[in-house]
PDB file of all heavy atoms in Angstrom:
ATOM      1  N   ALA A   1     168.481  89.930 -25.056  1.00  0.00           N
ATOM      2  CA  ALA A   1     168.722  88.511 -24.830  1.00  0.00           C
ATOM      3  C   ALA A   1     167.493  87.712 -25.068  1.00  0.00           C
ATOM      4  O   ALA A   1     167.550  86.618 -25.665  1.00  0.00           O
ATOM      5  CB  ALA A   1     169.258  88.311 -23.404  1.00  0.00           C
ATOM      6  N   ILE A   2     166.323  88.215 -24.592  1.00  0.00           N
ATOM      7  CA  ILE A   2     165.067  87.463 -24.759  1.00  0.00           C
ATOM      8  C   ILE A   2     164.706  87.357 -26.192  1.00  0.00           C
ATOM      9  O   ILE A   2     164.239  86.302 -26.645  1.00  0.00           O
ATOM     10  CB  ILE A   2     163.934  88.267 -23.984  1.00  0.00           C
ATOM     11  CG1 ILE A   2     164.100  88.067 -22.473  1.00  0.00           C
ATOM     12  CG2 ILE A   2     162.578  87.718 -24.422  1.00  0.00           C
ATOM     13  CD1 ILE A   2     163.913  86.639 -21.994  1.00  0.00           C
ATOM     14  N   ASP A   3     164.960  88.394 -26.992  1.00  0.00           N
ATOM     15  CA  ASP A   3     164.694  88.343 -28.438  1.00  0.00           C
ATOM     16  C   ASP A   3     165.501  87.225 -29.087  1.00  0.00           C
ATOM     17  O   ASP A   3     165.010  86.520 -30.019  1.00  0.00           O
ATOM     18  CB  ASP A   3     164.991  89.663 -29.104  1.00  0.00           C
ATOM     19  CG  ASP A   3     163.990  90.763 -28.713  1.00  0.00           C
ATOM     20  OD1 ASP A   3     162.895  90.409 -28.177  1.00  0.00           O
ATOM     21  OD2 ASP A   3     164.341  91.959 -28.877  1.00  0.00           O
ATOM     22  N   LYS A   4     166.752  87.050 -28.629  1.00  0.00           N
ATOM     23  CA  LYS A   4     167.564  85.956 -29.224  1.00  0.00           C
ATOM     24  C   LYS A   4     167.027  84.616 -28.796  1.00  0.00           C
ATOM     25  O   LYS A   4     167.129  83.625 -29.603  1.00  0.00           O
ATOM     26  CB  LYS A   4     169.038  86.129 -28.767  1.00  0.00           C
ATOM     27  CG  LYS A   4     169.707  87.402 -29.365  1.00  0.00           C
ATOM     28  CD  LYS A   4     171.103  87.576 -28.862  1.00  0.00           C
ATOM     29  CE  LYS A   4     171.727  88.809 -29.424  1.00  0.00           C
ATOM     30  NZ  LYS A   4     173.109  89.066 -28.885  1.00  0.00           N
ATOM     31  N   VAL A   5     166.561  84.511 -27.589  1.00  0.00           N
ATOM     32  CA  VAL A   5     165.935  83.214 -27.143  1.00  0.00           C
ATOM     33  C   VAL A   5     164.749  82.891 -27.985  1.00  0.00           C
ATOM     34  O   VAL A   5     164.563  81.767 -28.498  1.00  0.00           O
ATOM     35  CB  VAL A   5     165.516  83.315 -25.639  1.00  0.00           C
ATOM     36  CG1 VAL A   5     164.715  82.094 -25.221  1.00  0.00           C
ATOM     37  CG2 VAL A   5     166.779  83.448 -24.735  1.00  0.00           C
ATOM     38  N   ILE A   6     163.847  83.878 -28.195  1.00  0.00           N
ATOM     39  CA  ILE A   6     162.625  83.622 -28.962  1.00  0.00           C
ATOM     40  C   ILE A   6     162.984  83.252 -30.411  1.00  0.00           C
ATOM     41  O   ILE A   6     162.295  82.406 -30.996  1.00  0.00           O
ATOM     42  CB  ILE A   6     161.753  84.905 -28.973  1.00  0.00           C
ATOM     43  CG1 ILE A   6     161.231  85.142 -27.506  1.00  0.00           C
ATOM     44  CG2 ILE A   6     160.549  84.784 -29.895  1.00  0.00           C
ATOM     45  CD1 ILE A   6     160.453  86.450 -27.358  1.00  0.00           C
ATOM     46  N   ALA A   7     164.084  83.793 -30.899  1.00  0.00           N
ATOM     47  CA  ALA A   7     164.445  83.530 -32.367  1.00  0.00           C
ATOM     48  C   ALA A   7     164.783  82.057 -32.566  1.00  0.00           C
ATOM     49  O   ALA A   7     164.570  81.593 -33.734  1.00  0.00           O
ATOM     50  CB  ALA A   7     165.639  84.418 -32.684  1.00  0.00           C
ATOM     51  N   VAL A   8     165.259  81.340 -31.550  1.00  0.00           N
ATOM     52  CA  VAL A   8     165.637  79.920 -31.780  1.00  0.00           C
ATOM     53  C   VAL A   8     164.495  78.936 -31.372  1.00  0.00           C
ATOM     54  O   VAL A   8     164.663  77.735 -31.505  1.00  0.00           O
ATOM     55  CB  VAL A   8     166.911  79.582 -30.969  1.00  0.00           C
ATOM     56  CG1 VAL A   8     168.094  80.431 -31.405  1.00  0.00           C
ATOM     57  CG2 VAL A   8     166.683  79.684 -29.446  1.00  0.00           C
ATOM     58  N   LEU A   9     163.360  79.506 -30.916  1.00  0.00           N
ATOM     59  CA  LEU A   9     162.266  78.647 -30.550  1.00  0.00           C
ATOM     60  C   LEU A   9     161.484  78.125 -31.787  1.00  0.00           C
ATOM     61  O   LEU A   9     161.444  78.800 -32.808  1.00  0.00           O
ATOM     62  CB  LEU A   9     161.308  79.346 -29.598  1.00  0.00           C
ATOM     63  CG  LEU A   9     161.818  79.776 -28.259  1.00  0.00           C
ATOM     64  CD1 LEU A   9     160.759  80.539 -27.477  1.00  0.00           C
ATOM     65  CD2 LEU A   9     162.322  78.576 -27.452  1.00  0.00           C
ATOM     66  N   LYS A  10     160.841  77.010 -31.585  1.00  0.00           N
ATOM     67  CA  LYS A  10     160.017  76.501 -32.670  1.00  0.00           C
ATOM     68  C   LYS A  10     158.714  77.349 -32.742  1.00  0.00           C
ATOM     69  O   LYS A  10     158.358  78.017 -31.746  1.00  0.00           O
ATOM     70  CB  LYS A  10     159.574  75.051 -32.367  1.00  0.00           C
ATOM     71  CG  LYS A  10     160.790  74.108 -32.373  1.00  0.00           C
ATOM     72  CD  LYS A  10     160.346  72.715 -32.030  1.00  0.00           C
ATOM     73  CE  LYS A  10     161.500  71.727 -31.961  1.00  0.00           C
ATOM     74  NZ  LYS A  10     161.071  70.338 -31.597  1.00  0.00           N
ATOM     75  N   THR A  11     158.045  77.317 -33.848  1.00  0.00           N
ATOM     76  CA  THR A  11     156.814  78.150 -34.034  1.00  0.00           C
ATOM     77  C   THR A  11     155.763  77.866 -32.972  1.00  0.00           C
ATOM     78  O   THR A  11     155.189  78.786 -32.456  1.00  0.00           O
ATOM     79  CB  THR A  11     156.210  77.834 -35.459  1.00  0.00           C
ATOM     80  OG1 THR A  11     157.189  78.171 -36.433  1.00  0.00           O
ATOM     81  CG2 THR A  11     154.967  78.747 -35.703  1.00  0.00           C
ATOM     82  N   THR A  12     155.554  76.591 -32.655  1.00  0.00           N
ATOM     83  CA  THR A  12     154.598  76.264 -31.591  1.00  0.00           C
ATOM     84  C   THR A  12     154.981  76.826 -30.253  1.00  0.00           C
ATOM     85  O   THR A  12     154.147  77.265 -29.521  1.00  0.00           O
ATOM     86  CB  THR A  12     154.392  74.703 -31.488  1.00  0.00           C
ATOM     87  OG1 THR A  12     155.713  74.119 -31.263  1.00  0.00           O
ATOM     88  CG2 THR A  12     153.825  74.156 -32.740  1.00  0.00           C
ATOM     89  N   GLN A  13     156.278  76.771 -29.936  1.00  0.00           N
ATOM     90  CA  GLN A  13     156.786  77.353 -28.690  1.00  0.00           C
ATOM     91  C   GLN A  13     156.595  78.893 -28.661  1.00  0.00           C
ATOM     92  O   GLN A  13     156.223  79.416 -27.612  1.00  0.00           O
ATOM     93  CB  GLN A  13     158.299  77.023 -28.524  1.00  0.00           C
ATOM     94  CG  GLN A  13     158.541  75.538 -28.195  1.00  0.00           C
ATOM     95  CD  GLN A  13     160.021  75.250 -28.139  1.00  0.00           C
ATOM     96  OE1 GLN A  13     160.815  75.672 -28.993  1.00  0.00           O
ATOM     97  NE2 GLN A  13     160.412  74.538 -27.136  1.00  0.00           N
ATOM     98  N   LYS A  14     156.842  79.489 -29.748  1.00  0.00           N
ATOM     99  CA  LYS A  14     156.709  80.986 -29.842  1.00  0.00           C
ATOM    100  C   LYS A  14     155.238  81.390 -29.572  1.00  0.00           C
ATOM    101  O   LYS A  14     154.941  82.370 -28.895  1.00  0.00           O
ATOM    102  CB  LYS A  14     157.117  81.522 -31.187  1.00  0.00           C
ATOM    103  CG  LYS A  14     158.613  81.449 -31.501  1.00  0.00           C
ATOM    104  CD  LYS A  14     158.937  81.942 -32.892  1.00  0.00           C
ATOM    105  CE  LYS A  14     160.414  81.812 -33.147  1.00  0.00           C
ATOM    106  NZ  LYS A  14     160.823  82.277 -34.498  1.00  0.00           N
ATOM    107  N   LYS A  15     154.289  80.614 -30.161  1.00  0.00           N
ATOM    108  CA  LYS A  15     152.877  80.891 -29.956  1.00  0.00           C
ATOM    109  C   LYS A  15     152.451  80.767 -28.460  1.00  0.00           C
ATOM    110  O   LYS A  15     151.722  81.570 -27.933  1.00  0.00           O
ATOM    111  CB  LYS A  15     152.024  79.969 -30.798  1.00  0.00           C
ATOM    112  CG  LYS A  15     152.079  80.303 -32.289  1.00  0.00           C
ATOM    113  CD  LYS A  15     151.197  79.362 -33.131  1.00  0.00           C
ATOM    114  CE  LYS A  15     151.304  79.731 -34.608  1.00  0.00           C
ATOM    115  NZ  LYS A  15     150.462  78.805 -35.441  1.00  0.00           N
ATOM    116  N   LYS A  16     152.995  79.706 -27.834  1.00  0.00           N
ATOM    117  CA  LYS A  16     152.741  79.487 -26.411  1.00  0.00           C
ATOM    118  C   LYS A  16     153.319  80.641 -25.557  1.00  0.00           C
ATOM    119  O   LYS A  16     152.683  81.103 -24.610  1.00  0.00           O
ATOM    120  CB  LYS A  16     153.270  78.175 -25.934  1.00  0.00           C
ATOM    121  CG  LYS A  16     152.504  76.959 -26.493  1.00  0.00           C
ATOM    122  CD  LYS A  16     153.085  75.669 -25.904  1.00  0.00           C
ATOM    123  CE  LYS A  16     152.302  74.474 -26.397  1.00  0.00           C
ATOM    124  NZ  LYS A  16     152.830  73.176 -25.811  1.00  0.00           N
ATOM    125  N   LEU A  17     154.501  81.116 -25.950  1.00  0.00           N
ATOM    126  CA  LEU A  17     155.161  82.163 -25.279  1.00  0.00           C
ATOM    127  C   LEU A  17     154.408  83.454 -25.422  1.00  0.00           C
ATOM    128  O   LEU A  17     154.335  84.285 -24.445  1.00  0.00           O
ATOM    129  CB  LEU A  17     156.599  82.298 -25.768  1.00  0.00           C
ATOM    130  CG  LEU A  17     157.596  82.915 -24.757  1.00  0.00           C
ATOM    131  CD1 LEU A  17     157.730  82.026 -23.530  1.00  0.00           C
ATOM    132  CD2 LEU A  17     159.003  83.056 -25.398  1.00  0.00           C
ATOM    133  N   GLU A  18     153.814  83.662 -26.546  1.00  0.00           N
ATOM    134  CA  GLU A  18     152.989  84.898 -26.795  1.00  0.00           C
ATOM    135  C   GLU A  18     151.790  84.901 -25.835  1.00  0.00           C
ATOM    136  O   GLU A  18     151.412  85.909 -25.289  1.00  0.00           O
ATOM    137  CB  GLU A  18     152.495  84.926 -28.237  1.00  0.00           C
ATOM    138  CG  GLU A  18     153.625  85.261 -29.243  1.00  0.00           C
ATOM    139  CD  GLU A  18     153.141  85.201 -30.678  1.00  0.00           C
ATOM    140  OE1 GLU A  18     151.951  84.895 -30.837  1.00  0.00           O
ATOM    141  OE2 GLU A  18     153.962  85.452 -31.572  1.00  0.00           O
ATOM    142  N   VAL A  19     151.180  83.702 -25.615  1.00  0.00           N
ATOM    143  CA  VAL A  19     150.026  83.603 -24.671  1.00  0.00           C
ATOM    144  C   VAL A  19     150.481  83.872 -23.276  1.00  0.00           C
ATOM    145  O   VAL A  19     149.876  84.712 -22.576  1.00  0.00           O
ATOM    146  CB  VAL A  19     149.443  82.177 -24.774  1.00  0.00           C
ATOM    147  CG1 VAL A  19     148.377  82.024 -23.673  1.00  0.00           C
ATOM    148  CG2 VAL A  19     148.806  81.919 -26.146  1.00  0.00           C
ATOM    149  N   LEU A  20     151.614  83.335 -22.916  1.00  0.00           N
ATOM    150  CA  LEU A  20     152.120  83.497 -21.518  1.00  0.00           C
ATOM    151  C   LEU A  20     152.495  84.954 -21.293  1.00  0.00           C
ATOM    152  O   LEU A  20     152.280  85.561 -20.218  1.00  0.00           O
ATOM    153  CB  LEU A  20     153.355  82.585 -21.239  1.00  0.00           C
ATOM    154  CG  LEU A  20     153.810  82.537 -19.851  1.00  0.00           C
ATOM    155  CD1 LEU A  20     152.742  81.954 -18.922  1.00  0.00           C
ATOM    156  CD2 LEU A  20     155.091  81.757 -19.729  1.00  0.00           C
ATOM    157  N   GLU A  21     153.093  85.609 -22.333  1.00  0.00           N
ATOM    158  CA  GLU A  21     153.459  86.987 -22.174  1.00  0.00           C
ATOM    159  C   GLU A  21     152.316  87.923 -21.808  1.00  0.00           C
ATOM    160  O   GLU A  21     152.515  88.884 -21.029  1.00  0.00           O
ATOM    161  CB  GLU A  21     154.128  87.469 -23.532  1.00  0.00           C
ATOM    162  CG  GLU A  21     155.069  88.670 -23.392  1.00  0.00           C
ATOM    163  CD  GLU A  21     154.303  89.988 -23.347  1.00  0.00           C
ATOM    164  OE1 GLU A  21     153.205  90.051 -23.870  1.00  0.00           O
ATOM    165  OE2 GLU A  21     154.870  90.931 -22.762  1.00  0.00           O
ATOM    166  N   GLN A  22     151.150  87.567 -22.256  1.00  0.00           N
ATOM    167  CA  GLN A  22     149.927  88.344 -21.986  1.00  0.00           C
ATOM    168  C   GLN A  22     149.351  88.022 -20.603  1.00  0.00           C
ATOM    169  O   GLN A  22     148.440  88.718 -20.123  1.00  0.00           O
ATOM    170  CB  GLN A  22     148.862  88.157 -23.036  1.00  0.00           C
ATOM    171  CG  GLN A  22     149.362  88.547 -24.422  1.00  0.00           C
ATOM    172  CD  GLN A  22     149.631  90.044 -24.531  1.00  0.00           C
ATOM    173  OE1 GLN A  22     148.959  90.855 -23.929  1.00  0.00           O
ATOM    174  NE2 GLN A  22     150.648  90.427 -25.273  1.00  0.00           N
ATOM    175  N   ARG A  23     149.856  86.970 -19.977  1.00  0.00           N
ATOM    176  CA  ARG A  23     149.266  86.477 -18.732  1.00  0.00           C
ATOM    177  C   ARG A  23     150.140  86.460 -17.538  1.00  0.00           C
ATOM    178  O   ARG A  23     149.803  85.815 -16.531  1.00  0.00           O
ATOM    179  CB  ARG A  23     148.620  85.062 -19.038  1.00  0.00           C
ATOM    180  CG  ARG A  23     147.611  85.077 -20.142  1.00  0.00           C
ATOM    181  CD  ARG A  23     146.906  83.779 -20.302  1.00  0.00           C
ATOM    182  NE  ARG A  23     146.031  83.791 -21.464  1.00  0.00           N
ATOM    183  CZ  ARG A  23     145.233  82.797 -21.792  1.00  0.00           C
ATOM    184  NH1 ARG A  23     145.185  81.667 -21.031  1.00  0.00           N
ATOM    185  NH2 ARG A  23     144.486  82.844 -22.881  1.00  0.00           N
ATOM    186  N   VAL A  24     151.263  87.044 -17.675  1.00  0.00           N
ATOM    187  CA  VAL A  24     152.187  87.197 -16.550  1.00  0.00           C
ATOM    188  C   VAL A  24     152.354  88.693 -16.257  1.00  0.00           C
ATOM    189  O   VAL A  24     152.720  89.428 -17.205  1.00  0.00           O
ATOM    190  CB  VAL A  24     153.595  86.534 -16.805  1.00  0.00           C
ATOM    191  CG1 VAL A  24     154.541  86.795 -15.693  1.00  0.00           C
ATOM    192  CG2 VAL A  24     153.436  85.057 -17.049  1.00  0.00           C
ATOM    193  N   PHE A  25     152.171  89.068 -15.035  1.00  0.00           N
ATOM    194  CA  PHE A  25     152.249  90.482 -14.663  1.00  0.00           C
ATOM    195  C   PHE A  25     152.962  90.661 -13.312  1.00  0.00           C
ATOM    196  O   PHE A  25     152.781  89.832 -12.432  1.00  0.00           O
ATOM    197  CB  PHE A  25     150.849  91.076 -14.577  1.00  0.00           C
ATOM    198  CG  PHE A  25     150.801  92.517 -14.172  1.00  0.00           C
ATOM    199  CD1 PHE A  25     151.185  93.530 -15.084  1.00  0.00           C
ATOM    200  CD2 PHE A  25     150.428  92.900 -12.894  1.00  0.00           C
ATOM    201  CE1 PHE A  25     151.169  94.860 -14.703  1.00  0.00           C
ATOM    202  CE2 PHE A  25     150.396  94.246 -12.536  1.00  0.00           C
ATOM    203  CZ  PHE A  25     150.790  95.220 -13.434  1.00  0.00           C
ATOM    204  N   THR A  26     153.799  91.635 -13.229  1.00  0.00           N
ATOM    205  CA  THR A  26     154.425  91.987 -11.962  1.00  0.00           C
ATOM    206  C   THR A  26     154.093  93.427 -11.604  1.00  0.00           C
ATOM    207  O   THR A  26     153.960  94.298 -12.435  1.00  0.00           O
ATOM    208  CB  THR A  26     155.955  91.831 -12.028  1.00  0.00           C
ATOM    209  OG1 THR A  26     156.425  92.684 -13.152  1.00  0.00           O
ATOM    210  CG2 THR A  26     156.357  90.386 -12.296  1.00  0.00           C
ATOM    211  N   TYR A  27     153.908  93.638 -10.286  1.00  0.00           N
ATOM    212  CA  TYR A  27     153.500  94.941  -9.824  1.00  0.00           C
ATOM    213  C   TYR A  27     154.532  95.503  -8.881  1.00  0.00           C
ATOM    214  O   TYR A  27     154.968  94.759  -7.900  1.00  0.00           O
ATOM    215  CB  TYR A  27     152.144  94.897  -9.172  1.00  0.00           C
ATOM    216  CG  TYR A  27     151.686  96.228  -8.567  1.00  0.00           C
ATOM    217  CD1 TYR A  27     151.410  97.293  -9.425  1.00  0.00           C
ATOM    218  CD2 TYR A  27     151.569  96.399  -7.227  1.00  0.00           C
ATOM    219  CE1 TYR A  27     150.978  98.523  -8.915  1.00  0.00           C
ATOM    220  CE2 TYR A  27     151.185  97.620  -6.673  1.00  0.00           C
ATOM    221  CZ  TYR A  27     150.858  98.682  -7.525  1.00  0.00           C
ATOM    222  OH  TYR A  27     150.509  99.895  -7.020  1.00  0.00           O
ATOM    223  N   ASN A  28     155.022  96.658  -9.107  1.00  0.00           N
ATOM    224  CA  ASN A  28     155.993  97.280  -8.219  1.00  0.00           C
ATOM    225  C   ASN A  28     155.487  98.633  -7.716  1.00  0.00           C
ATOM    226  O   ASN A  28     155.222  99.508  -8.601  1.00  0.00           O
ATOM    227  CB  ASN A  28     157.310  97.423  -8.930  1.00  0.00           C
ATOM    228  CG  ASN A  28     158.441  97.975  -8.010  1.00  0.00           C
ATOM    229  OD1 ASN A  28     158.213  98.200  -6.817  1.00  0.00           O
ATOM    230  ND2 ASN A  28     159.590  98.208  -8.559  1.00  0.00           N
ATOM    231  N   LYS A  29     155.313  98.806  -6.447  1.00  0.00           N
ATOM    232  CA  LYS A  29     154.698 100.037  -5.945  1.00  0.00           C
ATOM    233  C   LYS A  29     155.721 101.213  -6.048  1.00  0.00           C
ATOM    234  O   LYS A  29     155.287 102.343  -6.098  1.00  0.00           O
ATOM    235  CB  LYS A  29     154.321  99.875  -4.496  1.00  0.00           C
ATOM    236  CG  LYS A  29     153.176  98.902  -4.229  1.00  0.00           C
ATOM    237  CD  LYS A  29     152.663  99.033  -2.825  1.00  0.00           C
ATOM    238  CE  LYS A  29     152.456  97.674  -2.218  1.00  0.00           C
ATOM    239  NZ  LYS A  29     151.998  97.815  -0.807  1.00  0.00           N
ATOM    240  N   THR A  30     156.965 100.893  -6.039  1.00  0.00           N
ATOM    241  CA  THR A  30     157.976 101.937  -6.069  1.00  0.00           C
ATOM    242  C   THR A  30     158.125 102.630  -7.443  1.00  0.00           C
ATOM    243  O   THR A  30     158.373 101.956  -8.373  1.00  0.00           O
ATOM    244  CB  THR A  30     159.372 101.386  -5.682  1.00  0.00           C
ATOM    245  OG1 THR A  30     159.277 100.658  -4.432  1.00  0.00           O
ATOM    246  CG2 THR A  30     160.356 102.498  -5.517  1.00  0.00           C
ATOM    247  N   ALA A  31     157.838 103.893  -7.504  1.00  0.00           N
ATOM    248  CA  ALA A  31     157.894 104.587  -8.771  1.00  0.00           C
ATOM    249  C   ALA A  31     159.338 104.824  -9.159  1.00  0.00           C
ATOM    250  O   ALA A  31     160.209 105.042  -8.306  1.00  0.00           O
ATOM    251  CB  ALA A  31     157.189 105.949  -8.666  1.00  0.00           C
ATOM    252  N   LYS A  32     159.557 104.806 -10.476  1.00  0.00           N
ATOM    253  CA  LYS A  32     160.875 105.048 -10.990  1.00  0.00           C
ATOM    254  C   LYS A  32     161.081 106.587 -11.124  1.00  0.00           C
ATOM    255  O   LYS A  32     160.997 107.155 -12.216  1.00  0.00           O
ATOM    256  CB  LYS A  32     161.069 104.397 -12.360  1.00  0.00           C
ATOM    257  CG  LYS A  32     160.931 102.915 -12.378  1.00  0.00           C
ATOM    258  CD  LYS A  32     161.086 102.349 -13.770  1.00  0.00           C
ATOM    259  CE  LYS A  32     160.764 100.830 -13.780  1.00  0.00           C
ATOM    260  NZ  LYS A  32     160.892 100.298 -15.116  1.00  0.00           N
ATOM    261  N   VAL A  33     161.349 107.217  -9.977  1.00  0.00           N
ATOM    262  CA  VAL A  33     161.449 108.702  -9.958  1.00  0.00           C
ATOM    263  C   VAL A  33     162.696 109.129 -10.709  1.00  0.00           C
ATOM    264  O   VAL A  33     162.668 110.041 -11.595  1.00  0.00           O
ATOM    265  CB  VAL A  33     161.508 109.196  -8.507  1.00  0.00           C
ATOM    266  CG1 VAL A  33     161.622 110.713  -8.520  1.00  0.00           C
ATOM    267  CG2 VAL A  33     160.281 108.765  -7.771  1.00  0.00           C
ATOM    268  N   ASN A  34     163.843 108.535 -10.426  1.00  0.00           N
ATOM    269  CA  ASN A  34     165.096 108.873 -11.060  1.00  0.00           C
ATOM    270  C   ASN A  34     165.699 107.590 -11.629  1.00  0.00           C
ATOM    271  O   ASN A  34     166.676 107.025 -11.056  1.00  0.00           O
ATOM    272  CB  ASN A  34     166.060 109.501 -10.061  1.00  0.00           C
ATOM    273  CG  ASN A  34     165.486 110.829  -9.557  1.00  0.00           C
ATOM    274  OD1 ASN A  34     165.182 111.724 -10.312  1.00  0.00           O
ATOM    275  ND2 ASN A  34     165.440 110.977  -8.216  1.00  0.00           N
ATOM    276  N   PRO A  35     165.264 107.074 -12.752  1.00  0.00           N
ATOM    277  CA  PRO A  35     165.779 105.877 -13.341  1.00  0.00           C
ATOM    278  C   PRO A  35     167.208 106.096 -13.749  1.00  0.00           C
ATOM    279  O   PRO A  35     167.629 107.167 -14.110  1.00  0.00           O
ATOM    280  CB  PRO A  35     164.894 105.607 -14.529  1.00  0.00           C
ATOM    281  CG  PRO A  35     164.381 106.954 -14.919  1.00  0.00           C
ATOM    282  CD  PRO A  35     164.187 107.686 -13.605  1.00  0.00           C
ATOM    283  N   SER A  36     168.038 105.010 -13.589  1.00  0.00           N
ATOM    284  CA  SER A  36     169.432 105.078 -13.983  1.00  0.00           C
ATOM    285  C   SER A  36     169.567 104.426 -15.336  1.00  0.00           C
ATOM    286  O   SER A  36     168.739 103.698 -15.831  1.00  0.00           O
ATOM    287  CB  SER A  36     170.290 104.360 -12.968  1.00  0.00           C
ATOM    288  OG  SER A  36     170.111 102.963 -13.011  1.00  0.00           O
TER     289      SER A  36
END
């Protein structure tokens, strides 16, 4: 779904999104022991 969103963005928006993608991070202490 995200790929489809990016596909309709303008070039300038895509560049800004690339910057943000490198600067947003989430941390989850719970390990994915048995992913579904």
